[in-house]
Protein backbone atom coordinates (compact mmCIF):
# COMPACT_ATOMS: atom_id res chain seq x y z
CA UNK A 1 18.79 -22.29 -104.78
CA UNK A 2 19.99 -25.97 -106.24
CA UNK A 3 21.32 -26.18 -109.67
CA UNK A 4 19.62 -27.85 -112.30
CA UNK A 5 22.14 -31.04 -111.85
CA UNK A 6 22.04 -31.03 -108.16
CA UNK A 7 18.54 -30.71 -108.13
CA UNK A 8 17.95 -33.72 -110.27
CA UNK A 9 20.93 -36.02 -108.72
CA UNK A 10 18.77 -35.65 -105.67
CA UNK A 11 15.14 -35.93 -106.54
CA UNK A 12 13.88 -39.37 -105.69
CA UNK A 13 11.18 -40.26 -108.39
CA UNK A 14 7.84 -40.77 -107.60
CA UNK A 15 7.74 -44.87 -108.24
CA UNK A 16 10.38 -45.29 -105.75
CA UNK A 17 8.32 -43.37 -103.08
CA UNK A 18 5.42 -45.64 -103.74
CA UNK A 19 7.21 -48.38 -103.71
CA UNK A 20 9.00 -48.05 -100.20
CA UNK A 21 5.67 -46.64 -98.72
CA UNK A 22 4.11 -50.07 -99.96
CA UNK A 23 6.84 -52.03 -98.38
CA UNK A 24 6.57 -50.16 -95.54
CA UNK A 25 2.92 -50.62 -94.97
CA UNK A 26 3.42 -54.14 -95.50
CA UNK A 27 5.81 -54.45 -92.39
CA UNK A 28 4.90 -55.90 -89.29
CA UNK A 29 7.11 -54.90 -86.69
CA UNK A 30 8.80 -51.70 -85.77
CA UNK A 31 12.14 -53.34 -86.14
CA UNK A 32 11.05 -54.41 -89.61
CA UNK A 33 9.94 -50.47 -90.64
CA UNK A 34 12.57 -48.55 -89.22
CA UNK A 35 15.05 -50.95 -91.79
CA UNK A 36 12.72 -49.90 -94.43
CA UNK A 37 12.90 -46.58 -93.53
CA UNK A 38 16.32 -46.57 -93.64
CA UNK A 39 16.42 -47.24 -96.88
CA UNK A 40 14.20 -45.38 -98.06
CA UNK A 41 15.78 -42.60 -96.76
CA UNK A 42 18.91 -43.37 -98.60
CA UNK A 43 17.57 -43.61 -101.73
CA UNK A 44 15.07 -40.90 -101.38
CA UNK A 45 17.92 -38.48 -100.59
CA UNK A 46 20.25 -40.15 -102.48
CA UNK A 47 24.16 -38.88 -100.97
CA UNK A 48 22.63 -38.31 -97.80
CA UNK A 49 23.26 -39.98 -93.98
CA UNK A 50 21.19 -40.36 -91.25
CA UNK A 51 19.77 -41.99 -88.03
CA UNK A 52 16.10 -42.91 -87.53
CA UNK A 53 15.28 -43.58 -83.86
CA UNK A 54 11.93 -44.97 -82.70
CA UNK A 55 10.36 -44.43 -79.53
CA UNK A 56 7.71 -46.32 -77.40
CA UNK A 57 6.29 -44.56 -74.27
CA UNK A 58 9.24 -42.39 -74.04
CA UNK A 59 11.76 -45.28 -74.27
CA UNK A 60 13.98 -45.91 -77.83
CA UNK A 61 12.96 -49.43 -79.38
CA UNK A 62 14.53 -49.32 -82.50
CA UNK A 63 17.54 -47.66 -84.27
CA UNK A 64 18.85 -47.37 -87.83
CA UNK A 65 21.46 -45.33 -89.79
CA UNK A 66 22.58 -44.99 -93.09
CA UNK A 67 25.44 -43.34 -94.82
CA UNK A 68 28.18 -42.53 -92.20
CA UNK A 69 26.94 -44.20 -89.05
CA UNK A 70 29.98 -43.86 -86.94
CA UNK A 71 29.50 -39.43 -87.45
CA UNK A 72 25.62 -40.16 -86.98
CA UNK A 73 26.17 -41.67 -83.74
CA UNK A 74 28.61 -39.09 -82.69
CA UNK A 75 25.69 -36.06 -83.48
CA UNK A 76 22.66 -37.99 -82.04
CA UNK A 77 23.39 -40.80 -79.06
CA UNK A 78 19.94 -42.54 -78.83
CA UNK A 79 20.63 -42.10 -74.84
CA UNK A 80 19.40 -38.40 -75.66
CA UNK A 81 16.49 -39.27 -77.99
CA UNK A 82 13.74 -39.37 -75.00
CA UNK A 83 15.07 -35.60 -74.53
CA UNK A 84 14.28 -35.02 -78.45
CA UNK A 85 11.07 -36.69 -78.13
CA UNK A 86 9.60 -33.61 -76.09
CA UNK A 87 10.26 -31.32 -79.11
CA UNK A 88 6.77 -32.17 -80.39
CA UNK A 89 5.87 -28.87 -81.78
CA UNK A 90 7.28 -27.62 -84.80
CA UNK A 91 10.82 -28.43 -84.81
CA UNK A 92 11.94 -26.55 -87.83
CA UNK A 93 10.30 -25.30 -91.22
CA UNK A 94 13.46 -25.49 -93.01
CA UNK A 95 16.87 -27.03 -92.54
CA UNK A 96 19.17 -25.80 -89.76
CA UNK A 97 22.73 -25.72 -88.91
CA UNK A 98 23.41 -28.54 -86.17
CA UNK A 99 25.94 -26.75 -83.68
CA UNK A 100 27.13 -30.45 -83.05
CA UNK A 101 27.89 -31.08 -86.92
CA UNK A 102 29.77 -29.50 -90.22
CA UNK A 103 26.99 -30.78 -92.12
CA UNK A 104 23.39 -28.74 -91.88
CA UNK A 105 20.87 -31.19 -90.48
CA UNK A 106 16.97 -32.00 -90.84
CA UNK A 107 14.99 -33.25 -87.73
CA UNK A 108 11.57 -34.58 -88.34
CA UNK A 109 9.23 -35.97 -85.89
CA UNK A 110 7.48 -38.70 -86.40
CA UNK A 111 4.12 -37.29 -85.16
CA UNK A 112 0.58 -39.35 -85.25
CA UNK A 113 -2.80 -38.56 -83.49
CA UNK A 114 -0.51 -35.88 -81.56
CA UNK A 115 1.84 -38.80 -80.63
CA UNK A 116 5.67 -38.36 -81.33
CA UNK A 117 6.68 -41.79 -82.54
CA UNK A 118 10.93 -40.91 -83.07
CA UNK A 119 12.79 -38.53 -84.81
CA UNK A 120 14.25 -38.95 -88.28
CA UNK A 121 17.58 -37.07 -88.27
CA UNK A 122 18.93 -36.09 -91.82
CA UNK A 123 22.20 -34.72 -92.80
CA UNK A 124 23.03 -33.22 -95.92
CA UNK A 125 25.23 -34.18 -98.79
CA UNK A 126 27.75 -32.22 -100.73
CA UNK A 127 26.14 -30.72 -104.16
CA UNK A 128 28.94 -31.75 -106.17
CA UNK A 129 30.31 -35.36 -106.01
CA UNK A 130 33.26 -34.57 -108.00
CA UNK A 131 34.23 -32.05 -105.76
CA UNK A 132 33.25 -33.00 -101.94
CA UNK A 133 35.18 -30.35 -100.44
CA UNK A 134 32.34 -28.10 -101.31
CA UNK A 135 30.42 -27.54 -98.05
CA UNK A 136 27.30 -29.83 -97.85
CA UNK A 137 23.43 -29.12 -98.50
CA UNK A 138 20.25 -30.34 -97.90
CA UNK A 139 18.64 -30.00 -101.46
CA UNK A 140 15.28 -28.69 -101.21
CA UNK A 141 14.41 -31.87 -103.70
CA UNK A 142 14.78 -34.10 -100.85
CA UNK A 143 12.35 -32.42 -98.14
CA UNK A 144 9.18 -33.32 -99.86
CA UNK A 145 9.15 -36.77 -100.47
CA UNK A 146 11.21 -37.49 -97.22
CA UNK A 147 8.19 -35.52 -95.28
CA UNK A 148 5.85 -37.56 -96.91
CA UNK A 149 7.45 -40.74 -96.28
CA UNK A 150 8.03 -39.50 -92.59
CA UNK A 151 4.03 -38.78 -92.22
CA UNK A 152 3.58 -42.74 -93.67
CA UNK A 153 5.89 -44.03 -90.96
CA UNK A 154 4.36 -42.32 -88.03
CA UNK A 155 1.39 -43.80 -89.28
CA UNK A 156 2.65 -47.05 -89.57
CA UNK A 157 4.39 -46.97 -86.14
CA UNK A 158 0.74 -45.43 -84.81
CA UNK A 159 -1.04 -48.82 -86.34
CA UNK A 160 1.53 -50.67 -84.11
CA UNK A 161 1.11 -49.43 -81.26
CA UNK A 162 -2.52 -49.79 -81.36
CA UNK A 163 -2.41 -53.47 -82.12
CA UNK A 164 0.05 -54.24 -79.66
CA UNK A 165 -2.26 -52.54 -76.87
CA UNK A 166 -5.06 -54.69 -78.40
CA UNK A 167 -3.33 -57.80 -78.04
CA UNK A 168 -1.81 -56.83 -74.37
CA UNK A 169 -5.48 -56.25 -72.89
CA UNK A 170 -6.41 -59.60 -74.74
CA UNK A 171 -3.42 -61.39 -73.14
CA UNK A 172 -4.02 -59.89 -69.76
CA UNK A 173 -7.39 -60.84 -69.58
CA UNK A 174 -6.84 -64.29 -70.82
CA UNK A 175 -4.30 -64.22 -68.00
CA UNK A 176 -6.64 -63.02 -65.37
CA UNK A 177 -9.42 -65.21 -66.18
CA UNK A 178 -7.18 -68.65 -66.86
CA UNK A 179 -8.49 -69.16 -70.07
CA UNK A 180 -6.57 -70.08 -73.22
CA UNK A 181 -6.16 -67.69 -75.92
CA UNK A 182 -5.07 -68.78 -79.55
CA UNK A 183 -3.94 -65.77 -81.90
CA UNK A 184 -4.08 -67.15 -85.44
CA UNK A 185 -2.92 -65.08 -88.81
CA UNK A 186 -4.48 -65.66 -91.56
CA UNK A 187 -3.37 -64.45 -95.59
CA UNK A 188 -4.33 -65.41 -99.05
CA UNK A 189 -1.76 -67.20 -100.87
CA UNK A 190 -0.18 -65.42 -103.57
CA UNK A 191 -2.16 -62.14 -102.88
CA UNK A 192 0.00 -60.42 -106.12
CA UNK A 193 -1.28 -62.88 -108.28
CA UNK A 194 -4.95 -62.14 -107.11
CA UNK A 195 -4.52 -58.78 -107.36
CA UNK A 196 -3.49 -58.98 -111.00
CA UNK A 197 -6.38 -61.62 -111.58
CA UNK A 198 -9.22 -59.61 -110.21
CA UNK A 199 -7.46 -56.16 -109.43
CA UNK A 200 -6.67 -54.47 -106.21
CA UNK A 201 -10.29 -52.82 -105.53
CA UNK A 202 -11.98 -56.28 -105.92
CA UNK A 203 -9.43 -58.11 -103.83
CA UNK A 204 -10.00 -55.60 -100.90
CA UNK A 205 -13.36 -56.20 -101.17
CA UNK A 206 -13.09 -59.71 -100.68
CA UNK A 207 -10.70 -59.29 -97.80
CA UNK A 208 -13.18 -57.47 -96.25
CA UNK A 209 -16.11 -59.74 -96.53
CA UNK A 210 -13.48 -61.98 -94.75
CA UNK A 211 -12.91 -60.16 -91.97
CA UNK A 212 -16.82 -59.92 -91.69
CA UNK A 213 -17.42 -63.52 -92.16
CA UNK A 214 -14.36 -64.44 -89.43
CA UNK A 215 -15.89 -62.17 -87.03
CA UNK A 216 -19.64 -63.17 -87.54
CA UNK A 217 -18.12 -67.07 -86.89
CA UNK A 218 -16.30 -66.11 -83.72
CA UNK A 219 -20.22 -64.56 -82.47
CA UNK A 220 -19.01 -61.72 -80.44
CA UNK A 221 -16.61 -63.80 -78.11
CA UNK A 222 -13.17 -62.70 -80.29
CA UNK A 223 -11.91 -60.03 -82.34
CA UNK A 224 -11.15 -59.83 -85.67
CA UNK A 225 -8.91 -57.19 -87.92
CA UNK A 226 -6.29 -56.78 -90.82
CA UNK A 227 -2.87 -56.63 -89.29
CA UNK A 228 -1.99 -55.30 -92.97
CA UNK A 229 -3.05 -55.71 -96.06
CA UNK A 230 -4.16 -59.12 -96.61
CA UNK A 231 -3.38 -60.63 -93.36
CA UNK A 232 -6.16 -60.97 -90.40
CA UNK A 233 -5.42 -61.23 -87.35
CA UNK A 234 -8.07 -63.28 -85.02
CA UNK A 235 -7.86 -63.75 -81.20
CA UNK A 236 -9.89 -66.83 -80.33
CA UNK A 237 -10.40 -66.90 -76.55
CA UNK A 238 -11.32 -70.25 -74.73
CA UNK A 239 -9.68 -72.33 -77.88
CA UNK A 240 -7.25 -75.37 -77.67
CA UNK A 241 -5.26 -76.45 -81.22
CA UNK A 242 -8.03 -78.70 -82.22
CA UNK A 243 -10.23 -75.79 -81.66
CA UNK A 244 -8.17 -73.19 -83.59
CA UNK A 245 -7.86 -75.75 -86.51
CA UNK A 246 -11.65 -75.94 -86.76
CA UNK A 247 -11.89 -72.39 -86.62
CA UNK A 248 -8.90 -72.04 -89.38
CA UNK A 249 -11.08 -74.73 -91.52
CA UNK A 250 -14.25 -72.88 -91.49
CA UNK A 251 -12.40 -69.93 -92.42
CA UNK A 252 -10.76 -71.63 -95.51
CA UNK A 253 -13.88 -73.15 -96.79
CA UNK A 254 -15.24 -69.57 -96.92
CA UNK A 255 -12.52 -68.07 -98.67
CA UNK A 256 -12.25 -71.09 -100.91
CA UNK A 257 -15.82 -70.11 -102.37
CA UNK A 258 -15.35 -66.64 -103.04
CA UNK A 259 -14.82 -65.58 -106.36
CA UNK A 260 -12.02 -65.73 -107.43
CA UNK A 261 -10.93 -68.42 -104.60
CA UNK A 262 -8.68 -67.02 -101.98
CA UNK A 263 -7.22 -69.99 -100.44
CA UNK A 264 -5.77 -69.02 -97.38
CA UNK A 265 -2.46 -69.94 -95.39
CA UNK A 266 -2.82 -69.73 -91.63
CA UNK A 267 -0.01 -69.98 -88.71
CA UNK A 268 -1.53 -69.91 -84.72
CA UNK A 269 -0.14 -69.88 -81.81
CA UNK A 270 -1.80 -70.65 -77.96
CA UNK A 271 -1.14 -67.53 -75.66
CA UNK A 272 1.48 -68.65 -72.87
CA UNK A 273 2.17 -66.74 -69.60
CA UNK A 274 4.68 -64.58 -69.40
CA UNK A 275 5.52 -64.02 -73.25
CA UNK A 276 4.48 -60.45 -74.51
CA UNK A 277 2.24 -59.54 -77.30
CA UNK A 278 5.21 -58.93 -79.49
CA UNK A 279 7.11 -62.44 -79.05
CA UNK A 280 3.56 -64.35 -79.72
CA UNK A 281 3.13 -61.84 -82.85
CA UNK A 282 6.45 -62.86 -84.14
CA UNK A 283 6.04 -66.21 -83.20
CA UNK A 284 2.86 -66.29 -85.23
CA UNK A 285 4.41 -64.49 -88.05
CA UNK A 286 6.88 -67.22 -88.53
CA UNK A 287 3.75 -70.27 -88.20
CA UNK A 288 2.22 -68.02 -90.98
CA UNK A 289 5.66 -67.93 -93.29
CA UNK A 290 6.13 -71.71 -92.69
CA UNK A 291 2.58 -72.34 -93.61
CA UNK A 292 2.83 -70.12 -97.06
CA UNK A 293 5.36 -72.14 -97.83
CA UNK A 294 3.86 -75.57 -97.19
CA UNK A 295 0.75 -74.24 -99.53
CA UNK A 296 -2.73 -75.84 -99.76
CA UNK A 297 -4.65 -73.82 -97.29
CA UNK A 298 -1.82 -75.21 -94.65
CA UNK A 299 -2.32 -74.19 -91.12
CA UNK A 300 1.10 -74.32 -89.17
CA UNK A 301 0.86 -74.12 -85.22
CA UNK A 302 4.06 -72.15 -83.65
């Protein structure tokens, strides 16, 4: 049992968990999510060290470490992660002692819908910062917040996998039919200010209206969904740059007529043969960022 001092030193405040979860849900790539997750783990489990390995189709796609990175790499060689991924049953209900390392360690599989999207490997810390010679432990106070965060991380990674699949399918169809395809991202300018002004629930309702309107304008010829809160991804088939600008202008006119007005920044790219869904999405995200900086409802083409 942890002492009161040890438990309080290792307990993560709930606001920190909420903040880290919000940052995770706003992320737009597995690489960004892995960096956020490593930062979150280092703060939710203060004094720990560990490694996070993200998987897609049995392959390692990202890895992040915190604490003693050199020691972690000796414990878990990334090349061995696909073997770890097979352990999708209950790995451990309590901290275990890893025979390859001195500190106790805890493995959390990142499971969502029966699919494992990675492994979070957590290593213990000394219970007494003044006497680090004391045997390291994994405080029980760590387990609940890191388990909750791991579930959110798994759900986020599952979302990335689904959106990548949808994008890849749309790009493949455009390639087969030799039809142009535009990816467009639209985001309300100053979303945080809108939340403060109108309330999160009302802003969420406005975002839903935007999705419905954007879908109706496409008239069944494309797809629209929220990539993450406040960011709409629109796939517009058979369009060139001029058509994309016309569509973005129509969305802008609708959004600014809402109450309160929701002026949009938009970034777009025309899909090109040979580029992956992830490449195209990243380029569109960069165009969206430039549009946000430009302001005034700008549309930037990548």
